[in-house]
ModelCIF file with pLDDT and N, C-alpha, C, O atoms, coordinates in Angstrom:
data_MODEL
#
_entry.id   MODEL 
#
_entity.id                         1 
_entity.type                       polymer 
_entity.pdbx_number_of_molecules   1 
#
_entity_poly.entity_id                      1 
_entity_poly.type                           'polypeptide(L)' 
_entity_poly.nstd_linkage                   no 
_entity_poly.nstd_monomer                   no 
_entity_poly.pdbx_seq_one_letter_code       EGCNHSCAFCIIPQLRGKLASRRIDAVLREAEKLVAAGTKELLVISQ 
_entity_poly.pdbx_seq_one_letter_code_can   EGCNHSCAFCIIPQLRGKLASRRIDAVLREAEKLVAAGTKELLVISQ 
_entity_poly.pdbx_strand_id                 A 
#
loop_
_entity_poly_seq.entity_id 
_entity_poly_seq.num 
_entity_poly_seq.mon_id 
_entity_poly_seq.hetero 
1 1  GLU n 
1 2  GLY n 
1 3  CYS n 
1 4  ASN n 
1 5  HIS n 
1 6  SER n 
1 7  CYS n 
1 8  ALA n 
1 9  PHE n 
1 10 CYS n 
1 11 ILE n 
1 12 ILE n 
1 13 PRO n 
1 14 GLN n 
1 15 LEU n 
1 16 ARG n 
1 17 GLY n 
1 18 LYS n 
1 19 LEU n 
1 20 ALA n 
1 21 SER n 
1 22 ARG n 
1 23 ARG n 
1 24 ILE n 
1 25 ASP n 
1 26 ALA n 
1 27 VAL n 
1 28 LEU n 
1 29 ARG n 
1 30 GLU n 
1 31 ALA n 
1 32 GLU n 
1 33 LYS n 
1 34 LEU n 
1 35 VAL n 
1 36 ALA n 
1 37 ALA n 
1 38 GLY n 
1 39 THR n 
1 40 LYS n 
1 41 GLU n 
1 42 LEU n 
1 43 LEU n 
1 44 VAL n 
1 45 ILE n 
1 46 SER n 
1 47 GLN n 
#
_struct_asym.id          A 
_struct_asym.entity_id   1 
#
loop_
_ma_qa_metric.id 
_ma_qa_metric.mode 
_ma_qa_metric.name 
_ma_qa_metric.software_group_id 
_ma_qa_metric.type 
1 global pLDDT . pLDDT 
2 local  pLDDT . pLDDT 
#
_ma_qa_metric_global.metric_id      1 
_ma_qa_metric_global.metric_value   84.40 
_ma_qa_metric_global.model_id       1 
_ma_qa_metric_global.ordinal_id     1 
#
loop_
_ma_qa_metric_local.label_asym_id 
_ma_qa_metric_local.label_comp_id 
_ma_qa_metric_local.label_seq_id 
_ma_qa_metric_local.metric_id 
_ma_qa_metric_local.metric_value 
_ma_qa_metric_local.model_id 
_ma_qa_metric_local.ordinal_id 
A GLU 1  2 87.00 1 1  
A GLY 2  2 85.00 1 2  
A CYS 3  2 82.00 1 3  
A ASN 4  2 71.00 1 4  
A HIS 5  2 68.00 1 5  
A SER 6  2 62.00 1 6  
A CYS 7  2 68.00 1 7  
A ALA 8  2 62.00 1 8  
A PHE 9  2 62.00 1 9  
A CYS 10 2 66.00 1 10 
A ILE 11 2 58.00 1 11 
A ILE 12 2 66.00 1 12 
A PRO 13 2 64.00 1 13 
A GLN 14 2 66.00 1 14 
A LEU 15 2 66.00 1 15 
A ARG 16 2 68.00 1 16 
A GLY 17 2 75.00 1 17 
A LYS 18 2 83.00 1 18 
A LEU 19 2 88.00 1 19 
A ALA 20 2 91.00 1 20 
A SER 21 2 94.00 1 21 
A ARG 22 2 94.00 1 22 
A ARG 23 2 95.00 1 23 
A ILE 24 2 96.00 1 24 
A ASP 25 2 96.00 1 25 
A ALA 26 2 95.00 1 26 
A VAL 27 2 96.00 1 27 
A LEU 28 2 97.00 1 28 
A ARG 29 2 95.00 1 29 
A GLU 30 2 93.00 1 30 
A ALA 31 2 95.00 1 31 
A GLU 32 2 95.00 1 32 
A LYS 33 2 92.00 1 33 
A LEU 34 2 92.00 1 34 
A VAL 35 2 94.00 1 35 
A ALA 36 2 92.00 1 36 
A ALA 37 2 89.00 1 37 
A GLY 38 2 91.00 1 38 
A THR 39 2 93.00 1 39 
A LYS 40 2 94.00 1 40 
A GLU 41 2 96.00 1 41 
A LEU 42 2 96.00 1 42 
A LEU 43 2 94.00 1 43 
A VAL 44 2 95.00 1 44 
A ILE 45 2 91.00 1 45 
A SER 46 2 91.00 1 46 
A GLN 47 2 88.00 1 47 
#
loop_
_atom_site.group_PDB 
_atom_site.id 
_atom_site.type_symbol 
_atom_site.label_atom_id 
_atom_site.label_alt_id 
_atom_site.label_comp_id 
_atom_site.label_asym_id 
_atom_site.label_entity_id 
_atom_site.label_seq_id 
_atom_site.pdbx_PDB_ins_code 
_atom_site.Cartn_x 
_atom_site.Cartn_y 
_atom_site.Cartn_z 
_atom_site.occupancy 
_atom_site.B_iso_or_equiv 
_atom_site.pdbx_formal_charge 
_atom_site.auth_seq_id 
_atom_site.auth_comp_id 
_atom_site.auth_asym_id 
_atom_site.auth_atom_id 
_atom_site.pdbx_PDB_model_num 
ATOM 1   N N  . GLU A 1 1  ? -98.898  -15.811 -25.432 1.00 87.00 ? 1  GLU A N  1 
ATOM 2   C CA . GLU A 1 1  ? -99.324  -17.051 -26.080 1.00 87.00 ? 1  GLU A CA 1 
ATOM 3   C C  . GLU A 1 1  ? -98.531  -17.202 -27.374 1.00 87.00 ? 1  GLU A C  1 
ATOM 4   O O  . GLU A 1 1  ? -98.012  -16.223 -27.909 1.00 87.00 ? 1  GLU A O  1 
ATOM 5   N N  . GLY A 1 2  ? -98.441  -18.429 -27.872 1.00 85.00 ? 2  GLY A N  1 
ATOM 6   C CA . GLY A 1 2  ? -97.897  -18.655 -29.204 1.00 85.00 ? 2  GLY A CA 1 
ATOM 7   C C  . GLY A 1 2  ? -96.401  -18.438 -29.330 1.00 85.00 ? 2  GLY A C  1 
ATOM 8   O O  . GLY A 1 2  ? -95.717  -18.141 -28.351 1.00 85.00 ? 2  GLY A O  1 
ATOM 9   N N  . CYS A 1 3  ? -95.902  -18.590 -30.549 1.00 82.00 ? 3  CYS A N  1 
ATOM 10  C CA . CYS A 1 3  ? -94.463  -18.554 -30.806 1.00 82.00 ? 3  CYS A CA 1 
ATOM 11  C C  . CYS A 1 3  ? -94.215  -18.198 -32.269 1.00 82.00 ? 3  CYS A C  1 
ATOM 12  O O  . CYS A 1 3  ? -94.955  -18.623 -33.156 1.00 82.00 ? 3  CYS A O  1 
ATOM 13  N N  . ASN A 1 4  ? -93.160  -17.410 -32.509 1.00 71.00 ? 4  ASN A N  1 
ATOM 14  C CA . ASN A 1 4  ? -92.814  -17.006 -33.874 1.00 71.00 ? 4  ASN A CA 1 
ATOM 15  C C  . ASN A 1 4  ? -91.781  -17.910 -34.533 1.00 71.00 ? 4  ASN A C  1 
ATOM 16  O O  . ASN A 1 4  ? -91.462  -17.731 -35.709 1.00 71.00 ? 4  ASN A O  1 
ATOM 17  N N  . HIS A 1 5  ? -91.251  -18.886 -33.784 1.00 68.00 ? 5  HIS A N  1 
ATOM 18  C CA . HIS A 1 5  ? -90.215  -19.749 -34.346 1.00 68.00 ? 5  HIS A CA 1 
ATOM 19  C C  . HIS A 1 5  ? -90.825  -20.867 -35.198 1.00 68.00 ? 5  HIS A C  1 
ATOM 20  O O  . HIS A 1 5  ? -92.021  -21.151 -35.126 1.00 68.00 ? 5  HIS A O  1 
ATOM 21  N N  . SER A 1 6  ? -89.985  -21.472 -35.983 1.00 62.00 ? 6  SER A N  1 
ATOM 22  C CA . SER A 1 6  ? -90.418  -22.589 -36.839 1.00 62.00 ? 6  SER A CA 1 
ATOM 23  C C  . SER A 1 6  ? -89.480  -23.776 -36.651 1.00 62.00 ? 6  SER A C  1 
ATOM 24  O O  . SER A 1 6  ? -88.960  -24.321 -37.625 1.00 62.00 ? 6  SER A O  1 
ATOM 25  N N  . CYS A 1 7  ? -89.264  -24.174 -35.408 1.00 68.00 ? 7  CYS A N  1 
ATOM 26  C CA . CYS A 1 7  ? -88.368  -25.293 -35.127 1.00 68.00 ? 7  CYS A CA 1 
ATOM 27  C C  . CYS A 1 7  ? -88.908  -26.554 -35.809 1.00 68.00 ? 7  CYS A C  1 
ATOM 28  O O  . CYS A 1 7  ? -90.110  -26.819 -35.797 1.00 68.00 ? 7  CYS A O  1 
ATOM 29  N N  . ALA A 1 8  ? -88.002  -27.314 -36.394 1.00 62.00 ? 8  ALA A N  1 
ATOM 30  C CA . ALA A 1 8  ? -88.409  -28.426 -37.242 1.00 62.00 ? 8  ALA A CA 1 
ATOM 31  C C  . ALA A 1 8  ? -89.150  -29.523 -36.494 1.00 62.00 ? 8  ALA A C  1 
ATOM 32  O O  . ALA A 1 8  ? -89.944  -30.249 -37.093 1.00 62.00 ? 8  ALA A O  1 
ATOM 33  N N  . PHE A 1 9  ? -88.902  -29.657 -35.184 1.00 62.00 ? 9  PHE A N  1 
ATOM 34  C CA . PHE A 1 9  ? -89.505  -30.752 -34.425 1.00 62.00 ? 9  PHE A CA 1 
ATOM 35  C C  . PHE A 1 9  ? -90.790  -30.355 -33.714 1.00 62.00 ? 9  PHE A C  1 
ATOM 36  O O  . PHE A 1 9  ? -91.388  -31.185 -33.030 1.00 62.00 ? 9  PHE A O  1 
ATOM 37  N N  . CYS A 1 10 ? -91.233  -29.102 -33.858 1.00 66.00 ? 10 CYS A N  1 
ATOM 38  C CA . CYS A 1 10 ? -92.278  -28.541 -33.011 1.00 66.00 ? 10 CYS A CA 1 
ATOM 39  C C  . CYS A 1 10 ? -93.497  -28.109 -33.831 1.00 66.00 ? 10 CYS A C  1 
ATOM 40  O O  . CYS A 1 10 ? -93.352  -27.614 -34.949 1.00 66.00 ? 10 CYS A O  1 
ATOM 41  N N  . ILE A 1 11 ? -94.703  -28.297 -33.270 1.00 58.00 ? 11 ILE A N  1 
ATOM 42  C CA . ILE A 1 11 ? -95.925  -27.845 -33.922 1.00 58.00 ? 11 ILE A CA 1 
ATOM 43  C C  . ILE A 1 11 ? -96.680  -26.835 -33.054 1.00 58.00 ? 11 ILE A C  1 
ATOM 44  O O  . ILE A 1 11 ? -97.858  -26.564 -33.286 1.00 58.00 ? 11 ILE A O  1 
ATOM 45  N N  . ILE A 1 12 ? -95.990  -26.281 -32.053 1.00 66.00 ? 12 ILE A N  1 
ATOM 46  C CA . ILE A 1 12 ? -96.642  -25.312 -31.162 1.00 66.00 ? 12 ILE A CA 1 
ATOM 47  C C  . ILE A 1 12 ? -97.250  -24.127 -31.929 1.00 66.00 ? 12 ILE A C  1 
ATOM 48  O O  . ILE A 1 12 ? -98.383  -23.748 -31.631 1.00 66.00 ? 12 ILE A O  1 
ATOM 49  N N  . PRO A 1 13 ? -96.536  -23.514 -32.920 1.00 64.00 ? 13 PRO A N  1 
ATOM 50  C CA . PRO A 1 13 ? -97.169  -22.413 -33.651 1.00 64.00 ? 13 PRO A CA 1 
ATOM 51  C C  . PRO A 1 13 ? -98.462  -22.838 -34.354 1.00 64.00 ? 13 PRO A C  1 
ATOM 52  O O  . PRO A 1 13 ? -99.384  -22.035 -34.496 1.00 64.00 ? 13 PRO A O  1 
ATOM 53  N N  . GLN A 1 14 ? -98.531  -24.092 -34.791 1.00 66.00 ? 14 GLN A N  1 
ATOM 54  C CA . GLN A 1 14 ? -99.753  -24.570 -35.420 1.00 66.00 ? 14 GLN A CA 1 
ATOM 55  C C  . GLN A 1 14 ? -100.869 -24.744 -34.386 1.00 66.00 ? 14 GLN A C  1 
ATOM 56  O O  . GLN A 1 14 ? -102.044 -24.538 -34.690 1.00 66.00 ? 14 GLN A O  1 
ATOM 57  N N  . LEU A 1 15 ? -100.493 -25.122 -33.171 1.00 66.00 ? 15 LEU A N  1 
ATOM 58  C CA . LEU A 1 15 ? -101.481 -25.356 -32.125 1.00 66.00 ? 15 LEU A CA 1 
ATOM 59  C C  . LEU A 1 15 ? -101.919 -24.065 -31.442 1.00 66.00 ? 15 LEU A C  1 
ATOM 60  O O  . LEU A 1 15 ? -103.103 -23.877 -31.160 1.00 66.00 ? 15 LEU A O  1 
ATOM 61  N N  . ARG A 1 16 ? -100.965 -23.181 -31.178 1.00 68.00 ? 16 ARG A N  1 
ATOM 62  C CA . ARG A 1 16 ? -101.251 -21.990 -30.371 1.00 68.00 ? 16 ARG A CA 1 
ATOM 63  C C  . ARG A 1 16 ? -101.050 -20.666 -31.106 1.00 68.00 ? 16 ARG A C  1 
ATOM 64  O O  . ARG A 1 16 ? -101.260 -19.594 -30.538 1.00 68.00 ? 16 ARG A O  1 
ATOM 65  N N  . GLY A 1 17 ? -100.639 -20.750 -32.378 1.00 75.00 ? 17 GLY A N  1 
ATOM 66  C CA . GLY A 1 17 ? -100.538 -19.528 -33.163 1.00 75.00 ? 17 GLY A CA 1 
ATOM 67  C C  . GLY A 1 17 ? -99.222  -18.787 -32.970 1.00 75.00 ? 17 GLY A C  1 
ATOM 68  O O  . GLY A 1 17 ? -98.322  -19.249 -32.270 1.00 75.00 ? 17 GLY A O  1 
ATOM 69  N N  . LYS A 1 18 ? -99.137  -17.634 -33.607 1.00 83.00 ? 18 LYS A N  1 
ATOM 70  C CA . LYS A 1 18 ? -97.960  -16.776 -33.494 1.00 83.00 ? 18 LYS A CA 1 
ATOM 71  C C  . LYS A 1 18 ? -97.938  -16.080 -32.138 1.00 83.00 ? 18 LYS A C  1 
ATOM 72  O O  . LYS A 1 18 ? -98.924  -16.085 -31.402 1.00 83.00 ? 18 LYS A O  1 
ATOM 73  N N  . LEU A 1 19 ? -96.790  -15.482 -31.827 1.00 88.00 ? 19 LEU A N  1 
ATOM 74  C CA . LEU A 1 19 ? -96.622  -14.790 -30.554 1.00 88.00 ? 19 LEU A CA 1 
ATOM 75  C C  . LEU A 1 19 ? -97.697  -13.720 -30.360 1.00 88.00 ? 19 LEU A C  1 
ATOM 76  O O  . LEU A 1 19 ? -97.937  -12.896 -31.242 1.00 88.00 ? 19 LEU A O  1 
ATOM 77  N N  . ALA A 1 20 ? -98.331  -13.749 -29.202 1.00 91.00 ? 20 ALA A N  1 
ATOM 78  C CA . ALA A 1 20 ? -99.317  -12.742 -28.816 1.00 91.00 ? 20 ALA A CA 1 
ATOM 79  C C  . ALA A 1 20 ? -99.056  -12.364 -27.370 1.00 91.00 ? 20 ALA A C  1 
ATOM 80  O O  . ALA A 1 20 ? -99.466  -13.076 -26.453 1.00 91.00 ? 20 ALA A O  1 
ATOM 81  N N  . SER A 1 21 ? -98.369  -11.233 -27.162 1.00 94.00 ? 21 SER A N  1 
ATOM 82  C CA . SER A 1 21 ? -97.962  -10.816 -25.822 1.00 94.00 ? 21 SER A CA 1 
ATOM 83  C C  . SER A 1 21 ? -99.100  -10.120 -25.088 1.00 94.00 ? 21 SER A C  1 
ATOM 84  O O  . SER A 1 21 ? -99.874  -9.369  -25.683 1.00 94.00 ? 21 SER A O  1 
ATOM 85  N N  . ARG A 1 22 ? -99.189  -10.380 -23.787 1.00 94.00 ? 22 ARG A N  1 
ATOM 86  C CA . ARG A 1 22 ? -100.151 -9.664  -22.954 1.00 94.00 ? 22 ARG A CA 1 
ATOM 87  C C  . ARG A 1 22 ? -99.632  -8.256  -22.659 1.00 94.00 ? 22 ARG A C  1 
ATOM 88  O O  . ARG A 1 22 ? -98.427  -8.007  -22.701 1.00 94.00 ? 22 ARG A O  1 
ATOM 89  N N  . ARG A 1 23 ? -100.542 -7.353  -22.366 1.00 95.00 ? 23 ARG A N  1 
ATOM 90  C CA . ARG A 1 23 ? -100.143 -5.993  -21.978 1.00 95.00 ? 23 ARG A CA 1 
ATOM 91  C C  . ARG A 1 23 ? -99.309  -6.051  -20.708 1.00 95.00 ? 23 ARG A C  1 
ATOM 92  O O  . ARG A 1 23 ? -99.616  -6.808  -19.786 1.00 95.00 ? 23 ARG A O  1 
ATOM 93  N N  . ILE A 1 24 ? -98.254  -5.248  -20.666 1.00 96.00 ? 24 ILE A N  1 
ATOM 94  C CA . ILE A 1 24 ? -97.354  -5.264  -19.517 1.00 96.00 ? 24 ILE A CA 1 
ATOM 95  C C  . ILE A 1 24 ? -98.072  -4.858  -18.229 1.00 96.00 ? 24 ILE A C  1 
ATOM 96  O O  . ILE A 1 24 ? -97.793  -5.415  -17.167 1.00 96.00 ? 24 ILE A O  1 
ATOM 97  N N  . ASP A 1 25 ? -98.997  -3.889  -18.312 1.00 96.00 ? 25 ASP A N  1 
ATOM 98  C CA . ASP A 1 25 ? -99.689  -3.472  -17.094 1.00 96.00 ? 25 ASP A CA 1 
ATOM 99  C C  . ASP A 1 25 ? -100.634 -4.566  -16.591 1.00 96.00 ? 25 ASP A C  1 
ATOM 100 O O  . ASP A 1 25 ? -100.832 -4.714  -15.385 1.00 96.00 ? 25 ASP A O  1 
ATOM 101 N N  . ALA A 1 26 ? -101.222 -5.339  -17.531 1.00 95.00 ? 26 ALA A N  1 
ATOM 102 C CA . ALA A 1 26 ? -102.090 -6.442  -17.111 1.00 95.00 ? 26 ALA A CA 1 
ATOM 103 C C  . ALA A 1 26 ? -101.287 -7.543  -16.432 1.00 95.00 ? 26 ALA A C  1 
ATOM 104 O O  . ALA A 1 26 ? -101.730 -8.118  -15.438 1.00 95.00 ? 26 ALA A O  1 
ATOM 105 N N  . VAL A 1 27 ? -100.100 -7.837  -16.970 1.00 96.00 ? 27 VAL A N  1 
ATOM 106 C CA . VAL A 1 27 ? -99.242  -8.857  -16.369 1.00 96.00 ? 27 VAL A CA 1 
ATOM 107 C C  . VAL A 1 27 ? -98.820  -8.428  -14.958 1.00 96.00 ? 27 VAL A C  1 
ATOM 108 O O  . VAL A 1 27 ? -98.886  -9.216  -14.014 1.00 96.00 ? 27 VAL A O  1 
ATOM 109 N N  . LEU A 1 28 ? -98.388  -7.177  -14.831 1.00 97.00 ? 28 LEU A N  1 
ATOM 110 C CA . LEU A 1 28 ? -97.923  -6.695  -13.528 1.00 97.00 ? 28 LEU A CA 1 
ATOM 111 C C  . LEU A 1 28 ? -99.069  -6.611  -12.521 1.00 97.00 ? 28 LEU A C  1 
ATOM 112 O O  . LEU A 1 28 ? -98.874  -6.861  -11.331 1.00 97.00 ? 28 LEU A O  1 
ATOM 113 N N  . ARG A 1 29 ? -100.259 -6.260  -12.997 1.00 95.00 ? 29 ARG A N  1 
ATOM 114 C CA . ARG A 1 29 ? -101.417 -6.209  -12.104 1.00 95.00 ? 29 ARG A CA 1 
ATOM 115 C C  . ARG A 1 29 ? -101.739 -7.616  -11.580 1.00 95.00 ? 29 ARG A C  1 
ATOM 116 O O  . ARG A 1 29 ? -102.037 -7.791  -10.398 1.00 95.00 ? 29 ARG A O  1 
ATOM 117 N N  . GLU A 1 30 ? -101.676 -8.609  -12.463 1.00 93.00 ? 30 GLU A N  1 
ATOM 118 C CA . GLU A 1 30 ? -101.925 -9.987  -12.033 1.00 93.00 ? 30 GLU A CA 1 
ATOM 119 C C  . GLU A 1 30 ? -100.863 -10.443 -11.035 1.00 93.00 ? 30 GLU A C  1 
ATOM 120 O O  . GLU A 1 30 ? -101.183 -11.079 -10.030 1.00 93.00 ? 30 GLU A O  1 
ATOM 121 N N  . ALA A 1 31 ? -99.598  -10.116 -11.314 1.00 95.00 ? 31 ALA A N  1 
ATOM 122 C CA . ALA A 1 31 ? -98.514  -10.511 -10.410 1.00 95.00 ? 31 ALA A CA 1 
ATOM 123 C C  . ALA A 1 31 ? -98.700  -9.873  -9.037  1.00 95.00 ? 31 ALA A C  1 
ATOM 124 O O  . ALA A 1 31 ? -98.530  -10.536 -8.014  1.00 95.00 ? 31 ALA A O  1 
ATOM 125 N N  . GLU A 1 32 ? -99.045  -8.607  -9.014  1.00 95.00 ? 32 GLU A N  1 
ATOM 126 C CA . GLU A 1 32 ? -99.259  -7.891  -7.758  1.00 95.00 ? 32 GLU A CA 1 
ATOM 127 C C  . GLU A 1 32 ? -100.404 -8.527  -6.963  1.00 95.00 ? 32 GLU A C  1 
ATOM 128 O O  . GLU A 1 32 ? -100.328 -8.678  -5.744  1.00 95.00 ? 32 GLU A O  1 
ATOM 129 N N  . LYS A 1 33 ? -101.457 -8.890  -7.681  1.00 92.00 ? 33 LYS A N  1 
ATOM 130 C CA . LYS A 1 33 ? -102.620 -9.516  -7.039  1.00 92.00 ? 33 LYS A CA 1 
ATOM 131 C C  . LYS A 1 33 ? -102.253 -10.879 -6.455  1.00 92.00 ? 33 LYS A C  1 
ATOM 132 O O  . LYS A 1 33 ? -102.678 -11.215 -5.350  1.00 92.00 ? 33 LYS A O  1 
ATOM 133 N N  . LEU A 1 34 ? -101.470 -11.659 -7.188  1.00 92.00 ? 34 LEU A N  1 
ATOM 134 C CA . LEU A 1 34 ? -101.061 -12.980 -6.718  1.00 92.00 ? 34 LEU A CA 1 
ATOM 135 C C  . LEU A 1 34 ? -100.208 -12.875 -5.451  1.00 92.00 ? 34 LEU A C  1 
ATOM 136 O O  . LEU A 1 34 ? -100.410 -13.617 -4.489  1.00 92.00 ? 34 LEU A O  1 
ATOM 137 N N  . VAL A 1 35 ? -99.253  -11.943 -5.467  1.00 94.00 ? 35 VAL A N  1 
ATOM 138 C CA . VAL A 1 35 ? -98.382  -11.776 -4.308  1.00 94.00 ? 35 VAL A CA 1 
ATOM 139 C C  . VAL A 1 35 ? -99.181  -11.302 -3.095  1.00 94.00 ? 35 VAL A C  1 
ATOM 140 O O  . VAL A 1 35 ? -98.943  -11.748 -1.973  1.00 94.00 ? 35 VAL A O  1 
ATOM 141 N N  . ALA A 1 36 ? -100.134 -10.394 -3.330  1.00 92.00 ? 36 ALA A N  1 
ATOM 142 C CA . ALA A 1 36 ? -100.978 -9.919  -2.232  1.00 92.00 ? 36 ALA A CA 1 
ATOM 143 C C  . ALA A 1 36 ? -101.820 -11.042 -1.647  1.00 92.00 ? 36 ALA A C  1 
ATOM 144 O O  . ALA A 1 36 ? -102.179 -11.002 -0.470  1.00 92.00 ? 36 ALA A O  1 
ATOM 145 N N  . ALA A 1 37 ? -102.141 -12.049 -2.463  1.00 89.00 ? 37 ALA A N  1 
ATOM 146 C CA . ALA A 1 37 ? -102.967 -13.173 -2.009  1.00 89.00 ? 37 ALA A CA 1 
ATOM 147 C C  . ALA A 1 37 ? -102.146 -14.286 -1.365  1.00 89.00 ? 37 ALA A C  1 
ATOM 148 O O  . ALA A 1 37 ? -102.705 -15.302 -0.952  1.00 89.00 ? 37 ALA A O  1 
ATOM 149 N N  . GLY A 1 38 ? -100.827 -14.107 -1.273  1.00 91.00 ? 38 GLY A N  1 
ATOM 150 C CA . GLY A 1 38 ? -100.001 -15.081 -0.566  1.00 91.00 ? 38 GLY A CA 1 
ATOM 151 C C  . GLY A 1 38 ? -98.980  -15.811 -1.403  1.00 91.00 ? 38 GLY A C  1 
ATOM 152 O O  . GLY A 1 38 ? -98.284  -16.683 -0.885  1.00 91.00 ? 38 GLY A O  1 
ATOM 153 N N  . THR A 1 39 ? -98.862  -15.489 -2.687  1.00 93.00 ? 39 THR A N  1 
ATOM 154 C CA . THR A 1 39 ? -97.858  -16.140 -3.521  1.00 93.00 ? 39 THR A CA 1 
ATOM 155 C C  . THR A 1 39 ? -96.459  -15.699 -3.097  1.00 93.00 ? 39 THR A C  1 
ATOM 156 O O  . THR A 1 39 ? -96.181  -14.503 -3.010  1.00 93.00 ? 39 THR A O  1 
ATOM 157 N N  . LYS A 1 40 ? -95.582  -16.662 -2.834  1.00 94.00 ? 40 LYS A N  1 
ATOM 158 C CA . LYS A 1 40 ? -94.205  -16.365 -2.461  1.00 94.00 ? 40 LYS A CA 1 
ATOM 159 C C  . LYS A 1 40 ? -93.234  -16.605 -3.633  1.00 94.00 ? 40 LYS A C  1 
ATOM 160 O O  . LYS A 1 40 ? -92.070  -16.208 -3.580  1.00 94.00 ? 40 LYS A O  1 
ATOM 161 N N  . GLU A 1 41 ? -93.738  -17.263 -4.690  1.00 96.00 ? 41 GLU A N  1 
ATOM 162 C CA . GLU A 1 41 ? -92.877  -17.603 -5.826  1.00 96.00 ? 41 GLU A CA 1 
ATOM 163 C C  . GLU A 1 41 ? -93.685  -17.462 -7.121  1.00 96.00 ? 41 GLU A C  1 
ATOM 164 O O  . GLU A 1 41 ? -94.713  -18.115 -7.301  1.00 96.00 ? 41 GLU A O  1 
ATOM 165 N N  . LEU A 1 42 ? -93.201  -16.601 -8.011  1.00 96.00 ? 42 LEU A N  1 
ATOM 166 C CA . LEU A 1 42 ? -93.826  -16.407 -9.317  1.00 96.00 ? 42 LEU A CA 1 
ATOM 167 C C  . LEU A 1 42 ? -92.990  -17.116 -10.379 1.00 96.00 ? 42 LEU A C  1 
ATOM 168 O O  . LEU A 1 42 ? -91.781  -16.902 -10.471 1.00 96.00 ? 42 LEU A O  1 
ATOM 169 N N  . LEU A 1 43 ? -93.636  -17.954 -11.174 1.00 94.00 ? 43 LEU A N  1 
ATOM 170 C CA . LEU A 1 43 ? -92.936  -18.659 -12.248 1.00 94.00 ? 43 LEU A CA 1 
ATOM 171 C C  . LEU A 1 43 ? -93.416  -18.084 -13.579 1.00 94.00 ? 43 LEU A C  1 
ATOM 172 O O  . LEU A 1 43 ? -94.541  -18.337 -14.010 1.00 94.00 ? 43 LEU A O  1 
ATOM 173 N N  . VAL A 1 44 ? -92.539  -17.301 -14.225 1.00 95.00 ? 44 VAL A N  1 
ATOM 174 C CA . VAL A 1 44 ? -92.890  -16.622 -15.467 1.00 95.00 ? 44 VAL A CA 1 
ATOM 175 C C  . VAL A 1 44 ? -92.796  -17.622 -16.617 1.00 95.00 ? 44 VAL A C  1 
ATOM 176 O O  . VAL A 1 44 ? -91.744  -18.220 -16.844 1.00 95.00 ? 44 VAL A O  1 
ATOM 177 N N  . ILE A 1 45 ? -93.915  -17.800 -17.349 1.00 91.00 ? 45 ILE A N  1 
ATOM 178 C CA . ILE A 1 45 ? -93.947  -18.793 -18.418 1.00 91.00 ? 45 ILE A CA 1 
ATOM 179 C C  . ILE A 1 45 ? -94.527  -18.216 -19.705 1.00 91.00 ? 45 ILE A C  1 
ATOM 180 O O  . ILE A 1 45 ? -95.282  -17.244 -19.688 1.00 91.00 ? 45 ILE A O  1 
ATOM 181 N N  . SER A 1 46 ? -94.157  -18.839 -20.815 1.00 91.00 ? 46 SER A N  1 
ATOM 182 C CA . SER A 1 46 ? -94.630  -18.497 -22.152 1.00 91.00 ? 46 SER A CA 1 
ATOM 183 C C  . SER A 1 46 ? -94.050  -19.555 -23.077 1.00 91.00 ? 46 SER A C  1 
ATOM 184 O O  . SER A 1 46 ? -93.472  -20.532 -22.603 1.00 91.00 ? 46 SER A O  1 
ATOM 185 N N  . GLN A 1 47 ? -94.192  -19.381 -24.385 1.00 88.00 ? 47 GLN A N  1 
ATOM 186 C CA . GLN A 1 47 ? -93.465  -20.238 -25.321 1.00 88.00 ? 47 GLN A CA 1 
ATOM 187 C C  . GLN A 1 47 ? -92.059  -19.696 -25.562 1.00 88.00 ? 47 GLN A C  1 
ATOM 188 O O  . GLN A 1 47 ? -91.292  -20.285 -26.324 1.00 88.00 ? 47 GLN A O  1 
#
């Protein structure tokens, strides 16, 4: 979630705060679960 940049045209850090990364094992566990449930394409997103 969030972003550490201060781009002049953007207010995302004000809306969503500074960068807050999820634990790598939690991300991989979710990805594994999605693929097991039939996901054929994972779209990795963040700010």
